N, C-alpha and C. Protein backbone atom coordinates (compact mmCIF):
# COMPACT_ATOMS: atom_id res chain seq x y z
N MET A 1 -15.60 10.73 -16.30
CA MET A 1 -15.74 10.65 -15.56
C MET A 1 -17.02 9.12 -14.92
N VAL A 2 -16.40 8.41 -13.93
CA VAL A 2 -17.89 8.05 -13.80
C VAL A 2 -18.55 8.33 -12.52
N GLN A 3 -19.49 8.03 -12.20
CA GLN A 3 -20.32 8.72 -11.53
C GLN A 3 -20.79 7.61 -10.24
N ALA A 4 -21.22 7.05 -9.33
CA ALA A 4 -21.12 6.01 -9.00
C ALA A 4 -21.99 6.42 -7.48
N ILE A 5 -23.29 5.51 -6.94
CA ILE A 5 -24.09 6.12 -5.90
C ILE A 5 -23.60 5.47 -4.29
N VAL A 6 -22.91 5.49 -3.77
CA VAL A 6 -22.01 4.92 -2.61
C VAL A 6 -23.17 5.06 -1.37
N ASN A 7 -23.57 3.77 -0.50
CA ASN A 7 -24.45 3.78 0.32
C ASN A 7 -23.42 4.10 1.81
N LEU A 8 -23.18 4.58 2.36
CA LEU A 8 -21.92 4.31 3.79
C LEU A 8 -22.82 4.47 5.09
N GLY A 9 -22.15 3.75 5.95
CA GLY A 9 -22.72 3.66 7.50
C GLY A 9 -22.77 5.19 7.66
N GLU A 10 -22.99 5.20 9.16
CA GLU A 10 -22.58 6.36 10.25
C GLU A 10 -20.88 6.54 10.40
N HIS A 11 -20.37 5.41 10.64
CA HIS A 11 -19.21 5.69 10.88
C HIS A 11 -17.76 5.62 9.72
N GLN A 12 -18.43 4.84 8.84
CA GLN A 12 -17.45 5.20 6.99
C GLN A 12 -17.82 6.72 6.70
N ASP A 13 -18.68 7.26 7.02
CA ASP A 13 -19.30 8.65 6.34
C ASP A 13 -18.35 9.50 7.18
N ARG A 14 -18.35 9.17 8.74
CA ARG A 14 -17.07 10.04 9.90
C ARG A 14 -15.45 9.12 9.19
N LEU A 15 -15.17 8.37 8.88
CA LEU A 15 -14.20 8.47 9.08
C LEU A 15 -13.69 9.16 7.58
N LEU A 16 -14.46 9.37 6.81
CA LEU A 16 -14.32 10.07 5.19
C LEU A 16 -14.24 11.09 5.40
N THR A 17 -14.73 11.49 6.45
CA THR A 17 -14.82 13.13 6.94
C THR A 17 -13.45 13.90 6.99
N ILE A 18 -12.86 12.34 7.98
CA ILE A 18 -11.57 12.86 8.60
C ILE A 18 -10.52 12.34 7.72
N ILE A 19 -10.58 11.93 6.54
CA ILE A 19 -9.48 11.71 6.06
C ILE A 19 -9.43 13.03 4.88
N LYS A 20 -10.81 13.17 4.58
CA LYS A 20 -11.36 15.00 3.67
C LYS A 20 -10.48 15.70 4.40
N GLY A 21 -10.52 16.13 5.48
CA GLY A 21 -10.07 17.19 6.44
C GLY A 21 -8.39 16.81 6.64
N LYS A 22 -8.01 15.31 6.92
CA LYS A 22 -6.57 15.29 7.59
C LYS A 22 -5.47 15.58 6.35
N PHE A 23 -5.95 15.37 5.57
CA PHE A 23 -5.14 15.65 4.01
C PHE A 23 -5.83 16.73 3.33
N GLY A 24 -6.63 17.20 3.72
CA GLY A 24 -7.34 18.56 2.79
C GLY A 24 -7.41 18.93 1.15
N LEU A 25 -8.51 17.51 1.49
CA LEU A 25 -8.96 17.26 -0.10
C LEU A 25 -10.07 18.35 0.21
N LYS A 26 -11.01 18.62 -1.44
CA LYS A 26 -11.57 18.79 -1.14
C LYS A 26 -12.95 19.17 -1.07
N ASN A 27 -13.51 18.07 -1.37
CA ASN A 27 -15.00 16.80 -0.77
C ASN A 27 -14.26 15.30 -0.72
N LYS A 28 -15.45 14.77 -0.56
CA LYS A 28 -15.94 13.38 0.32
C LYS A 28 -15.26 12.01 -1.41
N SER A 29 -15.82 12.93 -2.30
CA SER A 29 -15.26 12.07 -4.13
C SER A 29 -13.74 12.01 -3.71
N ASP A 30 -13.27 13.28 -3.92
CA ASP A 30 -11.68 13.21 -3.36
C ASP A 30 -11.28 12.45 -3.20
N ALA A 31 -11.41 12.15 -1.40
CA ALA A 31 -11.30 11.45 -0.04
C ALA A 31 -11.47 9.91 -0.63
N VAL A 32 -12.53 9.61 -1.34
CA VAL A 32 -12.42 7.90 -1.99
C VAL A 32 -11.58 8.02 -3.21
N ASN A 33 -10.95 8.56 -3.69
CA ASN A 33 -10.04 8.33 -4.81
C ASN A 33 -8.88 8.54 -4.21
N PHE A 34 -8.69 9.22 -3.21
CA PHE A 34 -7.31 9.32 -2.32
C PHE A 34 -7.33 7.68 -1.41
N ILE A 35 -8.75 7.12 -1.13
CA ILE A 35 -8.48 5.89 -0.81
C ILE A 35 -8.04 4.50 -1.15
N ILE A 36 -8.74 4.56 -2.82
CA ILE A 36 -8.40 3.99 -3.54
C ILE A 36 -6.88 3.84 -4.13
N THR A 37 -6.45 4.53 -4.20
CA THR A 37 -4.68 5.27 -4.63
C THR A 37 -4.37 4.39 -4.00
N LYS A 38 -4.25 4.62 -2.11
CA LYS A 38 -3.17 4.45 -1.34
C LYS A 38 -3.15 3.05 -1.14
N TYR A 39 -4.80 2.06 -1.08
CA TYR A 39 -5.12 0.66 -1.35
C TYR A 39 -4.76 0.69 -2.47
N GLU A 40 -4.41 0.52 -3.93
CA GLU A 40 -3.47 0.46 -4.90
C GLU A 40 -2.27 0.24 -4.85
N GLU A 41 -1.51 1.33 -3.95
CA GLU A 41 0.08 1.76 -3.37
C GLU A 41 0.34 0.16 -2.88
N GLU A 42 -0.37 0.34 -1.72
CA GLU A 42 0.07 -0.64 -0.16
C GLU A 42 -0.28 -1.95 -0.49
N LEU A 43 -1.16 -1.97 -1.23
CA LEU A 43 -1.79 -3.44 -1.36
C LEU A 43 -1.76 -4.43 -2.29
N LEU A 44 -1.62 -3.84 -3.24
CA LEU A 44 -2.44 -4.33 -5.10
C LEU A 44 -1.00 -5.16 -5.29
N GLU A 45 -0.17 -4.25 -6.01
CA GLU A 45 1.06 -4.44 -6.38
C GLU A 45 2.24 -3.93 -5.88
N PRO A 46 2.63 -4.31 -4.32
CA PRO A 46 3.97 -4.30 -3.70
C PRO A 46 4.95 -3.92 -4.66
N GLN A 47 4.94 -5.50 -5.58
CA GLN A 47 6.56 -6.16 -6.33
C GLN A 47 6.71 -5.65 -6.81
N LEU A 48 5.90 -3.80 -7.58
CA LEU A 48 6.18 -3.03 -8.16
C LEU A 48 6.97 -1.56 -7.36
N ARG A 49 6.67 -1.70 -6.36
CA ARG A 49 7.15 -0.52 -5.58
C ARG A 49 9.01 -0.89 -5.75
N PRO A 50 9.62 0.92 -5.19
CA PRO A 50 11.01 0.63 -5.77
C PRO A 50 11.48 0.83 -4.95
N GLU A 51 11.45 0.21 -3.65
CA GLU A 51 11.77 -0.13 -2.48
C GLU A 51 12.02 -1.90 -2.67
N TYR A 52 10.34 -2.28 -3.16
CA TYR A 52 11.05 -4.16 -3.26
C TYR A 52 11.52 -4.29 -4.62
N ILE A 53 11.80 -3.56 -5.40
CA ILE A 53 13.37 -3.63 -6.21
C ILE A 53 14.04 -3.78 -5.83
N LYS A 54 14.43 -2.85 -5.32
CA LYS A 54 15.76 -2.15 -4.57
C LYS A 54 16.34 -3.81 -3.35
N LYS A 55 14.99 -3.95 -2.75
CA LYS A 55 15.43 -5.26 -2.01
C LYS A 55 15.54 -6.39 -2.57
N LEU A 56 15.09 -6.63 -3.51
CA LEU A 56 15.29 -7.81 -4.89
C LEU A 56 16.63 -7.56 -5.74
N ASN A 57 17.17 -6.58 -6.05
CA ASN A 57 18.66 -6.67 -6.38
C ASN A 57 19.64 -6.61 -5.38
N ARG A 58 19.40 -6.09 -4.64
CA ARG A 58 20.39 -6.46 -3.32
C ARG A 58 20.48 -8.38 -2.60
N VAL A 59 19.58 -8.48 -2.37
CA VAL A 59 19.26 -10.32 -2.54
C VAL A 59 20.10 -10.62 -3.73
N GLU A 60 19.73 -10.79 -4.97
CA GLU A 60 20.09 -11.11 -6.20
C GLU A 60 21.99 -10.86 -6.06
N LYS A 61 22.13 -9.41 -5.39
CA LYS A 61 23.93 -9.59 -5.45
C LYS A 61 24.26 -10.63 -4.69
N GLN A 62 23.90 -11.13 -3.67
CA GLN A 62 24.14 -11.79 -2.57
C GLN A 62 23.99 -13.77 -2.62
N LYS A 63 23.95 -13.53 -4.25
CA LYS A 63 23.94 -15.09 -4.43
C LYS A 63 25.16 -16.26 -3.57
N GLY A 64 24.46 -17.40 -2.84
CA GLY A 64 25.37 -18.28 -2.79
C GLY A 64 24.94 -18.21 -1.05
N ILE A 65 24.48 -17.57 -0.70
CA ILE A 65 24.27 -17.30 1.00
C ILE A 65 23.24 -18.26 1.49
N PRO A 66 23.94 -19.40 2.25
CA PRO A 66 23.29 -20.44 2.72
C PRO A 66 22.52 -19.83 3.68
N PHE A 67 21.22 -20.70 3.46
CA PHE A 67 20.24 -20.75 4.62
C PHE A 67 19.72 -22.15 5.19
N LYS A 68 19.19 -22.35 6.69
CA LYS A 68 19.09 -23.88 6.83
C LYS A 68 17.54 -23.67 6.79
N ASN A 69 16.54 -22.53 6.75
CA ASN A 69 14.60 -22.86 6.63
C ASN A 69 14.65 -21.76 6.21
N ILE A 70 13.49 -21.61 5.93
CA ILE A 70 12.60 -20.10 5.42
C ILE A 70 12.84 -19.20 6.65
N SER A 71 13.02 -19.32 7.72
CA SER A 71 13.05 -17.89 8.67
C SER A 71 13.99 -17.54 8.04
N GLU A 72 15.56 -18.31 7.96
CA GLU A 72 17.22 -17.48 8.12
C GLU A 72 16.48 -17.21 6.16
N LEU A 73 15.71 -17.50 5.22
CA LEU A 73 15.62 -16.54 4.47
C LEU A 73 15.31 -15.57 4.11
N ARG A 74 14.04 -15.76 5.14
CA ARG A 74 12.98 -14.04 5.15
C ARG A 74 13.87 -13.10 6.10
N LYS A 75 14.87 -13.38 6.58
CA LYS A 75 15.50 -12.80 7.58
C LYS A 75 16.49 -12.17 6.56
N ILE A 76 17.07 -12.53 5.82
CA ILE A 76 18.19 -12.29 4.57
C ILE A 76 17.09 -11.12 4.13
N ILE A 77 16.17 -11.22 3.59
CA ILE A 77 15.38 -10.75 2.78
C ILE A 77 14.97 -9.33 2.87
N GLU A 78 14.74 -9.64 4.62
CA GLU A 78 13.90 -8.39 5.19
C GLU A 78 15.26 -7.30 5.75
N GLU A 79 16.01 -7.72 5.78
CA GLU A 79 17.28 -6.86 6.24
C GLU A 79 17.34 -5.87 5.60
């Protein structure tokens, strides 16, 4: 386990306390770990999430669908 000293502003400390309470975490360290995990899931590698893979498979099955511009392609992908 790695330990770190983190300097937080008053607002960030309040947010950490709210997250700790909302998700029933034991301490602020657990809250920081929770936030880091959520960040990883949502922002770092969304292409590996199961929802993305399902969308990709669906689009691959629809080969040959014509589109005139990028917005039409985006519409097909986001359906």
